[in-house]
Amino acid sequence: MTWYEPDDPLPREQCPCCDYISLPERGEYLICPICFWEDDGQDLDALDMASGPNHGLTLRESRDNFLNYGACDRRMVKHVLSSSELEHFEHRPRTI
């Protein structure tokens, strides 16, 4: 099995879960290092649709989890970047 690797891994796209500019591309099932959301292409227009790659969580649930725990799912906190590492990423919060 081969993993998808973007041609340019520089973060340019906003994660739909945490709102940080942390993804090189959208919709390619890349995992955000900030919140651990696996980007399946969902966005704010599909907040309540269950996400298969994210264990059935909706984007709304995952956004709430990020605000409360710092990860899309409480069980994923151990995988995300530390708060000191977040300063290297631009945050563009959106309201829903």
PDB file of N, CA and C in Angstrom:
ATOM      1  N   MET A   1       0.837  -1.169   0.000  1.00  0.00           N
ATOM      2  CA  MET A   1       0.000   0.000   0.000  1.00  0.00           C
ATOM      3  C   MET A   1       0.888   1.241   0.000  1.00  0.00           C
ATOM      4  N   THR A   2       0.546   2.205  -0.814  1.00  0.00           N
ATOM      5  CA  THR A   2       1.306   3.451  -0.833  1.00  0.00           C
ATOM      6  C   THR A   2       0.431   4.578  -0.300  1.00  0.00           C
ATOM      7  N   TRP A   3       1.045   5.502   0.401  1.00  0.00           N
ATOM      8  CA  TRP A   3       0.344   6.660   0.946  1.00  0.00           C
ATOM      9  C   TRP A   3       0.445   7.802  -0.039  1.00  0.00           C
ATOM     10  N   TYR A   4      -0.610   8.591  -0.088  1.00  0.00           N
ATOM     11  CA  TYR A   4      -0.599   9.782  -0.931  1.00  0.00           C
ATOM     12  C   TYR A   4       0.336  10.813  -0.316  1.00  0.00           C
ATOM     13  N   GLU A   5       1.240  11.326  -1.094  1.00  0.00           N
ATOM     14  CA  GLU A   5       2.151  12.385  -0.663  1.00  0.00           C
ATOM     15  C   GLU A   5       1.972  13.571  -1.600  1.00  0.00           C
ATOM     16  N   PRO A   6       1.601  14.733  -1.078  1.00  0.00           N
ATOM     17  CA  PRO A   6       1.463  15.895  -1.956  1.00  0.00           C
ATOM     18  C   PRO A   6       2.800  16.294  -2.556  1.00  0.00           C
ATOM     19  N   ASP A   7       2.754  16.870  -3.753  1.00  0.00           N
ATOM     20  CA  ASP A   7       3.985  17.322  -4.409  1.00  0.00           C
ATOM     21  C   ASP A   7       4.701  18.382  -3.587  1.00  0.00           C
ATOM     22  N   ASP A   8       3.937  19.266  -2.969  1.00  0.00           N
ATOM     23  CA  ASP A   8       4.505  20.329  -2.139  1.00  0.00           C
ATOM     24  C   ASP A   8       3.825  20.275  -0.775  1.00  0.00           C
ATOM     25  N   PRO A   9       4.504  19.798   0.257  1.00  0.00           N
ATOM     26  CA  PRO A   9       3.870  19.616   1.561  1.00  0.00           C
ATOM     27  C   PRO A   9       3.675  20.898   2.379  1.00  0.00           C
ATOM     28  N   LEU A  10       4.010  22.055   1.814  1.00  0.00           N
ATOM     29  CA  LEU A  10       3.838  23.310   2.532  1.00  0.00           C
ATOM     30  C   LEU A  10       2.352  23.566   2.804  1.00  0.00           C
ATOM     31  N   PRO A  11       1.968  23.821   4.065  1.00  0.00           N
ATOM     32  CA  PRO A  11       0.557  24.077   4.373  1.00  0.00           C
ATOM     33  C   PRO A  11       0.036  25.341   3.686  1.00  0.00           C
ATOM     34  N   ARG A  12      -1.037  25.188   2.921  1.00  0.00           N
ATOM     35  CA  ARG A  12      -1.658  26.311   2.215  1.00  0.00           C
ATOM     36  C   ARG A  12      -3.166  26.366   2.423  1.00  0.00           C
ATOM     37  N   GLU A  13      -3.736  25.281   2.895  1.00  0.00           N
ATOM     38  CA  GLU A  13      -5.192  25.170   2.993  1.00  0.00           C
ATOM     39  C   GLU A  13      -5.641  25.108   4.452  1.00  0.00           C
ATOM     40  N   GLN A  14      -6.840  25.626   4.683  1.00  0.00           N
ATOM     41  CA  GLN A  14      -7.407  25.680   6.025  1.00  0.00           C
ATOM     42  C   GLN A  14      -8.094  24.364   6.373  1.00  0.00           C
ATOM     43  N   CYS A  15      -7.767  23.845   7.537  1.00  0.00           N
ATOM     44  CA  CYS A  15      -8.430  22.640   8.028  1.00  0.00           C
ATOM     45  C   CYS A  15      -9.874  22.996   8.383  1.00  0.00           C
ATOM     46  N   PRO A  16     -10.849  22.203   7.944  1.00  0.00           N
ATOM     47  CA  PRO A  16     -12.243  22.508   8.248  1.00  0.00           C
ATOM     48  C   PRO A  16     -12.597  22.292   9.716  1.00  0.00           C
ATOM     49  N   CYS A  17     -11.767  21.578  10.441  1.00  0.00           N
ATOM     50  CA  CYS A  17     -12.045  21.299  11.845  1.00  0.00           C
ATOM     51  C   CYS A  17     -11.471  22.373  12.771  1.00  0.00           C
ATOM     52  N   CYS A  18     -10.182  22.638  12.684  1.00  0.00           N
ATOM     53  CA  CYS A  18      -9.533  23.561  13.628  1.00  0.00           C
ATOM     54  C   CYS A  18      -9.353  24.972  13.082  1.00  0.00           C
ATOM     55  N   ASP A  19      -9.537  25.157  11.781  1.00  0.00           N
ATOM     56  CA  ASP A  19      -9.397  26.459  11.112  1.00  0.00           C
ATOM     57  C   ASP A  19      -7.959  26.957  11.010  1.00  0.00           C
ATOM     58  N   TYR A  20      -6.984  26.110  11.264  1.00  0.00           N
ATOM     59  CA  TYR A  20      -5.587  26.485  11.051  1.00  0.00           C
ATOM     60  C   TYR A  20      -5.213  26.198   9.600  1.00  0.00           C
ATOM     61  N   ILE A  21      -4.303  26.981   9.062  1.00  0.00           N
ATOM     62  CA  ILE A  21      -3.750  26.709   7.733  1.00  0.00           C
ATOM     63  C   ILE A  21      -2.699  25.618   7.949  1.00  0.00           C
ATOM     64  N   SER A  22      -3.115  24.374   7.747  1.00  0.00           N
ATOM     65  CA  SER A  22      -2.263  23.246   8.129  1.00  0.00           C
ATOM     66  C   SER A  22      -2.200  22.133   7.089  1.00  0.00           C
ATOM     67  N   LEU A  23      -2.948  22.266   6.006  1.00  0.00           N
ATOM     68  CA  LEU A  23      -2.991  21.207   4.998  1.00  0.00           C
ATOM     69  C   LEU A  23      -2.399  21.686   3.679  1.00  0.00           C
ATOM     70  N   PRO A  24      -1.580  20.874   3.036  1.00  0.00           N
ATOM     71  CA  PRO A  24      -1.048  21.257   1.731  1.00  0.00           C
ATOM     72  C   PRO A  24      -2.124  21.243   0.647  1.00  0.00           C
ATOM     73  N   GLU A  25      -3.115  20.364   0.790  1.00  0.00           N
ATOM     74  CA  GLU A  25      -4.208  20.227  -0.173  1.00  0.00           C
ATOM     75  C   GLU A  25      -5.462  19.841   0.598  1.00  0.00           C
ATOM     76  N   ARG A  26      -6.627  20.086   0.000  1.00  0.00           N
ATOM     77  CA  ARG A  26      -7.900  19.696   0.608  1.00  0.00           C
ATOM     78  C   ARG A  26      -8.445  18.447  -0.076  1.00  0.00           C
ATOM     79  N   GLY A  27      -9.172  17.648   0.692  1.00  0.00           N
ATOM     80  CA  GLY A  27      -9.898  16.517   0.152  1.00  0.00           C
ATOM     81  C   GLY A  27      -9.068  15.321  -0.242  1.00  0.00           C
ATOM     82  N   GLU A  28      -7.834  15.245   0.215  1.00  0.00           N
ATOM     83  CA  GLU A  28      -6.941  14.131  -0.150  1.00  0.00           C
ATOM     84  C   GLU A  28      -6.684  13.185   1.026  1.00  0.00           C
ATOM     85  N   TYR A  29      -7.504  13.265   2.053  1.00  0.00           N
ATOM     86  CA  TYR A  29      -7.418  12.393   3.221  1.00  0.00           C
ATOM     87  C   TYR A  29      -6.111  12.567   3.988  1.00  0.00           C
ATOM     88  N   LEU A  30      -5.563  13.777   3.926  1.00  0.00           N
ATOM     89  CA  LEU A  30      -4.382  14.098   4.725  1.00  0.00           C
ATOM     90  C   LEU A  30      -4.836  14.415   6.145  1.00  0.00           C
ATOM     91  N   ILE A  31      -4.001  14.125   7.119  1.00  0.00           N
ATOM     92  CA  ILE A  31      -4.357  14.347   8.520  1.00  0.00           C
ATOM     93  C   ILE A  31      -3.752  15.651   8.999  1.00  0.00           C
ATOM     94  N   CYS A  32      -4.598  16.479   9.579  1.00  0.00           N
ATOM     95  CA  CYS A  32      -4.157  17.763  10.122  1.00  0.00           C
ATOM     96  C   CYS A  32      -3.292  17.511  11.357  1.00  0.00           C
ATOM     97  N   PRO A  33      -2.082  18.067  11.403  1.00  0.00           N
ATOM     98  CA  PRO A  33      -1.215  17.855  12.564  1.00  0.00           C
ATOM     99  C   PRO A  33      -1.686  18.618  13.800  1.00  0.00           C
ATOM    100  N   ILE A  34      -2.593  19.559  13.617  1.00  0.00           N
ATOM    101  CA  ILE A  34      -3.043  20.382  14.730  1.00  0.00           C
ATOM    102  C   ILE A  34      -4.206  19.745  15.471  1.00  0.00           C
ATOM    103  N   CYS A  35      -5.176  19.178  14.739  1.00  0.00           N
ATOM    104  CA  CYS A  35      -6.354  18.606  15.404  1.00  0.00           C
ATOM    105  C   CYS A  35      -6.566  17.118  15.104  1.00  0.00           C
ATOM    106  N   PHE A  36      -5.820  16.574  14.169  1.00  0.00           N
ATOM    107  CA  PHE A  36      -5.866  15.162  13.760  1.00  0.00           C
ATOM    108  C   PHE A  36      -7.114  14.803  12.957  1.00  0.00           C
ATOM    109  N   TRP A  37      -7.789  15.796  12.388  1.00  0.00           N
ATOM    110  CA  TRP A  37      -8.914  15.543  11.478  1.00  0.00           C
ATOM    111  C   TRP A  37      -8.363  15.002  10.168  1.00  0.00           C
ATOM    112  N   GLU A  38      -8.944  13.930   9.657  1.00  0.00           N
ATOM    113  CA  GLU A  38      -8.564  13.413   8.345  1.00  0.00           C
ATOM    114  C   GLU A  38      -9.454  14.093   7.314  1.00  0.00           C
ATOM    115  N   ASP A  39      -8.861  14.891   6.463  1.00  0.00           N
ATOM    116  CA  ASP A  39      -9.617  15.749   5.552  1.00  0.00           C
ATOM    117  C   ASP A  39     -10.205  14.968   4.390  1.00  0.00           C
ATOM    118  N   ASP A  40     -11.490  14.681   4.499  1.00  0.00           N
ATOM    119  CA  ASP A  40     -12.204  13.950   3.453  1.00  0.00           C
ATOM    120  C   ASP A  40     -12.950  14.880   2.501  1.00  0.00           C
ATOM    121  N   GLY A  41     -12.700  16.176   2.617  1.00  0.00           N
ATOM    122  CA  GLY A  41     -13.321  17.141   1.720  1.00  0.00           C
ATOM    123  C   GLY A  41     -14.545  17.828   2.286  1.00  0.00           C
ATOM    124  N   GLN A  42     -15.051  17.366   3.428  1.00  0.00           N
ATOM    125  CA  GLN A  42     -16.200  18.029   4.049  1.00  0.00           C
ATOM    126  C   GLN A  42     -15.812  19.436   4.467  1.00  0.00           C
ATOM    127  N   ASP A  43     -16.811  20.316   4.502  1.00  0.00           N
ATOM    128  CA  ASP A  43     -16.568  21.677   4.979  1.00  0.00           C
ATOM    129  C   ASP A  43     -17.801  22.152   5.727  1.00  0.00           C
ATOM    130  N   LEU A  44     -17.837  23.417   6.046  1.00  0.00           N
ATOM    131  CA  LEU A  44     -18.894  23.953   6.889  1.00  0.00           C
ATOM    132  C   LEU A  44     -20.290  23.776   6.305  1.00  0.00           C
ATOM    133  N   ASP A  45     -20.402  23.493   5.020  1.00  0.00           N
ATOM    134  CA  ASP A  45     -21.715  23.256   4.419  1.00  0.00           C
ATOM    135  C   ASP A  45     -22.234  21.844   4.702  1.00  0.00           C
ATOM    136  N   ALA A  46     -21.430  21.006   5.351  1.00  0.00           N
ATOM    137  CA  ALA A  46     -21.826  19.632   5.684  1.00  0.00           C
ATOM    138  C   ALA A  46     -21.460  19.320   7.136  1.00  0.00           C
ATOM    139  N   LEU A  47     -21.785  20.237   8.033  1.00  0.00           N
ATOM    140  CA  LEU A  47     -21.388  20.106   9.439  1.00  0.00           C
ATOM    141  C   LEU A  47     -21.919  18.858  10.129  1.00  0.00           C
ATOM    142  N   ASP A  48     -23.088  18.401   9.739  1.00  0.00           N
ATOM    143  CA  ASP A  48     -23.732  17.310  10.462  1.00  0.00           C
ATOM    144  C   ASP A  48     -23.700  15.975   9.720  1.00  0.00           C
ATOM    145  N   MET A  49     -22.855  15.874   8.713  1.00  0.00           N
ATOM    146  CA  MET A  49     -22.679  14.624   7.974  1.00  0.00           C
ATOM    147  C   MET A  49     -21.575  13.807   8.655  1.00  0.00           C
ATOM    148  N   ALA A  50     -21.875  12.551   8.946  1.00  0.00           N
ATOM    149  CA  ALA A  50     -20.872  11.681   9.565  1.00  0.00           C
ATOM    150  C   ALA A  50     -19.702  11.478   8.609  1.00  0.00           C
ATOM    151  N   SER A  51     -18.506  11.533   9.157  1.00  0.00           N
ATOM    152  CA  SER A  51     -17.293  11.357   8.364  1.00  0.00           C
ATOM    153  C   SER A  51     -16.714   9.971   8.614  1.00  0.00           C
ATOM    154  N   GLY A  52     -16.732   9.132   7.602  1.00  0.00           N
ATOM    155  CA  GLY A  52     -16.185   7.779   7.728  1.00  0.00           C
ATOM    156  C   GLY A  52     -14.736   7.750   8.170  1.00  0.00           C
ATOM    157  N   PRO A  53     -13.851   8.526   7.524  1.00  0.00           N
ATOM    158  CA  PRO A  53     -12.446   8.507   7.920  1.00  0.00           C
ATOM    159  C   PRO A  53     -12.208   9.004   9.351  1.00  0.00           C
ATOM    160  N   ASN A  54     -13.183   9.732   9.899  1.00  0.00           N
ATOM    161  CA  ASN A  54     -13.047  10.272  11.253  1.00  0.00           C
ATOM    162  C   ASN A  54     -13.952   9.533  12.235  1.00  0.00           C
ATOM    163  N   HIS A  55     -14.099   8.232  11.996  1.00  0.00           N
ATOM    164  CA  HIS A  55     -14.810   7.316  12.889  1.00  0.00           C
ATOM    165  C   HIS A  55     -16.254   7.728  13.139  1.00  0.00           C
ATOM    166  N   GLY A  56     -16.906   8.292  12.110  1.00  0.00           N
ATOM    167  CA  GLY A  56     -18.312   8.637  12.213  1.00  0.00           C
ATOM    168  C   GLY A  56     -18.613   9.972  12.868  1.00  0.00           C
ATOM    169  N   LEU A  57     -17.586  10.664  13.310  1.00  0.00           N
ATOM    170  CA  LEU A  57     -17.811  11.986  13.896  1.00  0.00           C
ATOM    171  C   LEU A  57     -18.262  12.963  12.820  1.00  0.00           C
ATOM    172  N   THR A  58     -19.100  13.901  13.202  1.00  0.00           N
ATOM    173  CA  THR A  58     -19.459  14.968  12.278  1.00  0.00           C
ATOM    174  C   THR A  58     -18.438  16.090  12.435  1.00  0.00           C
ATOM    175  N   LEU A  59     -18.408  16.958  11.467  1.00  0.00           N
ATOM    176  CA  LEU A  59     -17.504  18.103  11.545  1.00  0.00           C
ATOM    177  C   LEU A  59     -17.906  19.011  12.707  1.00  0.00           C
ATOM    178  N   ARG A  60     -19.212  19.143  12.951  1.00  0.00           N
ATOM    179  CA  ARG A  60     -19.675  19.950  14.088  1.00  0.00           C
ATOM    180  C   ARG A  60     -19.151  19.379  15.413  1.00  0.00           C
ATOM    181  N   GLU A  61     -19.277  18.063  15.597  1.00  0.00           N
ATOM    182  CA  GLU A  61     -18.776  17.417  16.815  1.00  0.00           C
ATOM    183  C   GLU A  61     -17.265  17.601  16.943  1.00  0.00           C
ATOM    184  N   SER A  62     -16.574  17.435  15.831  1.00  0.00           N
ATOM    185  CA  SER A  62     -15.114  17.534  15.851  1.00  0.00           C
ATOM    186  C   SER A  62     -14.645  18.952  16.137  1.00  0.00           C
ATOM    187  N   ARG A  63     -15.346  19.944  15.597  1.00  0.00           N
ATOM    188  CA  ARG A  63     -14.995  21.342  15.887  1.00  0.00           C
ATOM    189  C   ARG A  63     -15.208  21.639  17.372  1.00  0.00           C
ATOM    190  N   ASP A  64     -16.302  21.133  17.939  1.00  0.00           N
ATOM    191  CA  ASP A  64     -16.544  21.302  19.378  1.00  0.00           C
ATOM    192  C   ASP A  64     -15.460  20.598  20.190  1.00  0.00           C
ATOM    193  N   ASN A  65     -15.093  19.388  19.775  1.00  0.00           N
ATOM    194  CA  ASN A  65     -14.029  18.655  20.470  1.00  0.00           C
ATOM    195  C   ASN A  65     -12.715  19.424  20.426  1.00  0.00           C
ATOM    196  N   PHE A  66     -12.412  20.030  19.279  1.00  0.00           N
ATOM    197  CA  PHE A  66     -11.174  20.796  19.179  1.00  0.00           C
ATOM    198  C   PHE A  66     -11.171  21.954  20.174  1.00  0.00           C
ATOM    199  N   LEU A  67     -12.290  22.644  20.293  1.00  0.00           N
ATOM    200  CA  LEU A  67     -12.373  23.758  21.249  1.00  0.00           C
ATOM    201  C   LEU A  67     -12.225  23.276  22.692  1.00  0.00           C
ATOM    202  N   ASN A  68     -12.754  22.088  22.989  1.00  0.00           N
ATOM    203  CA  ASN A  68     -12.717  21.569  24.359  1.00  0.00           C
ATOM    204  C   ASN A  68     -11.447  20.803  24.713  1.00  0.00           C
ATOM    205  N   TYR A  69     -10.908  20.037  23.760  1.00  0.00           N
ATOM    206  CA  TYR A  69      -9.787  19.134  24.052  1.00  0.00           C
ATOM    207  C   TYR A  69      -8.512  19.435  23.275  1.00  0.00           C
ATOM    208  N   GLY A  70      -8.623  20.226  22.199  1.00  0.00           N
ATOM    209  CA  GLY A  70      -7.456  20.502  21.375  1.00  0.00           C
ATOM    210  C   GLY A  70      -7.221  19.472  20.290  1.00  0.00           C
ATOM    211  N   ALA A  71      -8.211  18.613  20.046  1.00  0.00           N
ATOM    212  CA  ALA A  71      -8.137  17.598  18.986  1.00  0.00           C
ATOM    213  C   ALA A  71      -9.551  17.310  18.500  1.00  0.00           C
ATOM    214  N   CYS A  72      -9.671  16.754  17.301  1.00  0.00           N
ATOM    215  CA  CYS A  72     -10.995  16.467  16.744  1.00  0.00           C
ATOM    216  C   CYS A  72     -11.739  15.405  17.545  1.00  0.00           C
ATOM    217  N   ASP A  73     -11.001  14.603  18.261  1.00  0.00           N
ATOM    218  CA  ASP A  73     -11.555  13.538  19.092  1.00  0.00           C
ATOM    219  C   ASP A  73     -10.691  13.471  20.347  1.00  0.00           C
ATOM    220  N   ARG A  74     -11.315  13.340  21.470  1.00  0.00           N
ATOM    221  CA  ARG A  74     -10.575  13.313  22.744  1.00  0.00           C
ATOM    222  C   ARG A  74      -9.463  12.258  22.737  1.00  0.00           C
ATOM    223  N   ARG A  75      -9.715  11.145  22.060  1.00  0.00           N
ATOM    224  CA  ARG A  75      -8.722  10.058  22.014  1.00  0.00           C
ATOM    225  C   ARG A  75      -7.499  10.408  21.179  1.00  0.00           C
ATOM    226  N   MET A  76      -7.579  11.469  20.395  1.00  0.00           N
ATOM    227  CA  MET A  76      -6.481  11.848  19.498  1.00  0.00           C
ATOM    228  C   MET A  76      -5.569  12.931  20.067  1.00  0.00           C
ATOM    229  N   VAL A  77      -5.835  13.386  21.272  1.00  0.00           N
ATOM    230  CA  VAL A  77      -5.038  14.464  21.879  1.00  0.00           C
ATOM    231  C   VAL A  77      -3.553  14.116  21.886  1.00  0.00           C
ATOM    232  N   LYS A  78      -3.224  12.863  22.110  1.00  0.00           N
ATOM    233  CA  LYS A  78      -1.815  12.452  22.184  1.00  0.00           C
ATOM    234  C   LYS A  78      -1.086  12.579  20.845  1.00  0.00           C
ATOM    235  N   HIS A  79      -1.830  12.735  19.744  1.00  0.00           N
ATOM    236  CA  HIS A  79      -1.221  12.795  18.415  1.00  0.00           C
ATOM    237  C   HIS A  79      -1.020  14.208  17.876  1.00  0.00           C
ATOM    238  N   VAL A  80      -1.615  15.204  18.509  1.00  0.00           N
ATOM    239  CA  VAL A  80      -1.582  16.564  17.950  1.00  0.00           C
ATOM    240  C   VAL A  80      -0.344  17.332  18.405  1.00  0.00           C
ATOM    241  N   LEU A  81      -0.066  18.419  17.712  1.00  0.00           N
ATOM    242  CA  LEU A  81       1.068  19.274  18.068  1.00  0.00           C
ATOM    243  C   LEU A  81       0.832  19.949  19.414  1.00  0.00           C
ATOM    244  N   SER A  82       1.910  20.278  20.084  1.00  0.00           N
ATOM    245  CA  SER A  82       1.802  20.979  21.365  1.00  0.00           C
ATOM    246  C   SER A  82       1.402  22.430  21.129  1.00  0.00           C
ATOM    247  N   SER A  83       0.923  23.079  22.160  1.00  0.00           N
ATOM    248  CA  SER A  83       0.496  24.476  22.028  1.00  0.00           C
ATOM    249  C   SER A  83       1.649  25.378  21.597  1.00  0.00           C
ATOM    250  N   SER A  84       2.870  25.069  22.006  1.00  0.00           N
ATOM    251  CA  SER A  84       4.013  25.893  21.589  1.00  0.00           C
ATOM    252  C   SER A  84       4.310  25.736  20.095  1.00  0.00           C
ATOM    253  N   GLU A  85       3.973  24.592  19.518  1.00  0.00           N
ATOM    254  CA  GLU A  85       4.197  24.363  18.086  1.00  0.00           C
ATOM    255  C   GLU A  85       3.135  25.047  17.211  1.00  0.00           C
ATOM    256  N   LEU A  86       2.015  25.416  17.792  1.00  0.00           N
ATOM    257  CA  LEU A  86       0.930  26.036  17.029  1.00  0.00           C
ATOM    258  C   LEU A  86       1.296  27.409  16.502  1.00  0.00           C
ATOM    259  N   GLU A  87       2.243  28.074  17.152  1.00  0.00           N
ATOM    260  CA  GLU A  87       2.613  29.428  16.730  1.00  0.00           C
ATOM    261  C   GLU A  87       3.206  29.458  15.320  1.00  0.00           C
ATOM    262  N   HIS A  88       3.591  28.318  14.794  1.00  0.00           N
ATOM    263  CA  HIS A  88       4.161  28.247  13.445  1.00  0.00           C
ATOM    264  C   HIS A  88       3.082  28.183  12.358  1.00  0.00           C
ATOM    265  N   PHE A  89       1.823  28.121  12.772  1.00  0.00           N
ATOM    266  CA  PHE A  89       0.706  27.989  11.838  1.00  0.00           C
ATOM    267  C   PHE A  89      -0.240  29.173  11.983  1.00  0.00           C
ATOM    268  N   GLU A  90      -0.782  29.611  10.863  1.00  0.00           N
ATOM    269  CA  GLU A  90      -1.755  30.707  10.872  1.00  0.00           C
ATOM    270  C   GLU A  90      -3.135  30.165  11.246  1.00  0.00           C
ATOM    271  N   HIS A  91      -3.817  30.877  12.131  1.00  0.00           N
ATOM    272  CA  HIS A  91      -5.167  30.494  12.544  1.00  0.00           C
ATOM    273  C   HIS A  91      -6.159  31.505  11.985  1.00  0.00           C
ATOM    274  N   ARG A  92      -7.164  31.014  11.267  1.00  0.00           N
ATOM    275  CA  ARG A  92      -8.217  31.860  10.691  1.00  0.00           C
ATOM    276  C   ARG A  92      -9.576  31.353  11.177  1.00  0.00           C
ATOM    277  N   PRO A  93      -9.938  31.677  12.416  1.00  0.00           N
ATOM    278  CA  PRO A  93     -11.197  31.156  12.971  1.00  0.00           C
ATOM    279  C   PRO A  93     -12.419  31.609  12.172  1.00  0.00           C
ATOM    280  N   ARG A  94     -13.332  30.665  11.995  1.00  0.00           N
ATOM    281  CA  ARG A  94     -14.603  30.946  11.325  1.00  0.00           C
ATOM    282  C   ARG A  94     -15.724  30.650  12.310  1.00  0.00           C
ATOM    283  N   THR A  95     -16.798  31.389  12.233  1.00  0.00           N
ATOM    284  CA  THR A  95     -17.957  31.112  13.075  1.00  0.00           C
ATOM    285  C   THR A  95     -18.990  30.350  12.257  1.00  0.00           C
ATOM    286  N   ILE A  96     -19.708  29.493  12.947  1.00  0.00           N
ATOM    287  CA  ILE A  96     -20.740  28.711  12.249  1.00  0.00           C
ATOM    288  C   ILE A  96     -22.100  28.994  12.850  1.00  0.00           C
TER     289      ILE A  96
END
